[in-house]
Amino acid sequence: MSSITIAKPSRQQLEWQNMEVGLFIHFNIETYAPEWESPQSFENLPDPDVFNPVKLNTDQWMQAAKAIDAKYAILTAKHSAGFCI
């Protein structure tokens, strides 16, 4: 009879699991130019001036996160389309 080893989560894994709710924020040029989502090539890039978030309210993002009792928020700094914040 073979014995079965059951993996036990580490302390860090348990801490992560106990956070339960969090946010991953994807805010990039595709927000303003959705037709450019997941380009096959980078030949027809949208004009960078399209990305001009003058009314951006990141405080509202965090208020929404608190409202759902999120324990963390992660902002994607470099998105798949190559746009970097």
Protein backbone atom coordinates (compact mmCIF):
# COMPACT_ATOMS: atom_id res chain seq x y z
CA MET A 1 0.00 0.00 0.00
CA SER A 2 1.43 3.38 -0.96
CA SER A 3 1.15 6.31 1.34
CA ILE A 4 -0.41 9.56 0.21
CA THR A 5 1.25 12.81 1.05
CA ILE A 6 -1.12 15.71 1.52
CA ALA A 7 0.41 19.09 0.79
CA LYS A 8 -0.10 21.63 3.53
CA PRO A 9 -0.25 25.33 2.71
CA SER A 10 2.53 27.55 3.95
CA ARG A 11 1.91 30.42 6.35
CA GLN A 12 2.12 32.88 3.43
CA GLN A 13 -0.40 30.87 1.41
CA LEU A 14 -2.82 30.84 4.34
CA GLU A 15 -2.42 34.59 4.81
CA TRP A 16 -3.16 35.14 1.09
CA GLN A 17 -6.21 32.87 1.26
CA ASN A 18 -7.51 34.62 4.36
CA MET A 19 -7.52 37.97 2.57
CA GLU A 20 -10.39 36.54 0.47
CA VAL A 21 -11.32 39.65 -1.56
CA GLY A 22 -9.01 41.86 -3.57
CA LEU A 23 -8.75 43.85 -6.79
CA PHE A 24 -6.61 43.60 -9.88
CA ILE A 25 -6.82 46.94 -11.69
CA HIS A 26 -6.19 47.02 -15.44
CA PHE A 27 -6.17 50.67 -16.52
CA ASN A 28 -4.45 51.36 -19.79
CA ILE A 29 -4.80 52.83 -23.24
CA GLU A 30 -7.40 50.19 -24.14
CA THR A 31 -9.71 51.97 -21.68
CA TYR A 32 -9.81 54.87 -24.16
CA ALA A 33 -9.20 52.95 -27.40
CA PRO A 34 -11.02 49.60 -27.02
CA GLU A 35 -10.58 48.83 -30.71
CA TRP A 36 -6.87 48.41 -29.98
CA GLU A 37 -7.44 45.55 -27.53
CA SER A 38 -4.86 42.78 -27.94
CA PRO A 39 -3.25 44.02 -31.15
CA GLN A 40 -1.73 41.48 -33.51
CA SER A 41 1.03 43.95 -34.30
CA PHE A 42 2.20 47.27 -32.99
CA GLU A 43 2.05 48.97 -36.40
CA ASN A 44 -1.17 50.91 -35.85
CA LEU A 45 -0.79 52.24 -32.35
CA PRO A 46 -3.39 54.75 -31.17
CA ASP A 47 -2.26 58.32 -30.67
CA PRO A 48 -0.83 58.60 -27.12
CA ASP A 49 -2.88 61.78 -26.68
CA VAL A 50 -5.96 59.53 -26.55
CA PHE A 51 -4.79 58.46 -23.09
CA ASN A 52 -5.34 61.64 -21.12
CA PRO A 53 -7.11 60.74 -17.88
CA VAL A 54 -7.82 64.29 -16.67
CA LYS A 55 -10.89 63.15 -14.71
CA LEU A 56 -9.25 60.06 -13.21
CA ASN A 57 -10.31 59.54 -9.60
CA THR A 58 -8.22 56.80 -8.03
CA ASP A 59 -9.68 57.70 -4.63
CA GLN A 60 -13.01 56.43 -6.01
CA TRP A 61 -11.31 53.13 -6.90
CA MET A 62 -10.15 52.72 -3.31
CA GLN A 63 -13.55 53.75 -1.90
CA ALA A 64 -15.12 51.01 -4.04
CA ALA A 65 -12.48 48.55 -2.80
CA LYS A 66 -13.24 49.43 0.82
CA ALA A 67 -16.97 49.11 0.14
CA ILE A 68 -16.50 45.45 -0.77
CA ASP A 69 -14.01 44.94 2.07
CA ALA A 70 -11.11 44.28 -0.30
CA LYS A 71 -7.89 43.50 1.51
CA TYR A 72 -5.58 44.38 -1.37
CA ALA A 73 -5.46 46.16 -4.73
CA ILE A 74 -2.91 45.46 -7.44
CA LEU A 75 -2.42 47.92 -10.29
CA THR A 76 -1.11 46.33 -13.48
CA ALA A 77 1.85 48.55 -14.41
CA LYS A 78 2.54 46.96 -17.81
CA HIS A 79 -0.36 45.54 -19.72
CA SER A 80 -0.30 42.85 -22.40
CA ALA A 81 -0.56 45.44 -25.17
CA GLY A 82 2.76 46.93 -24.06
CA PHE A 83 1.34 50.05 -22.43
CA CYS A 84 3.16 51.02 -19.23
CA ILE A 85 1.93 53.32 -16.50
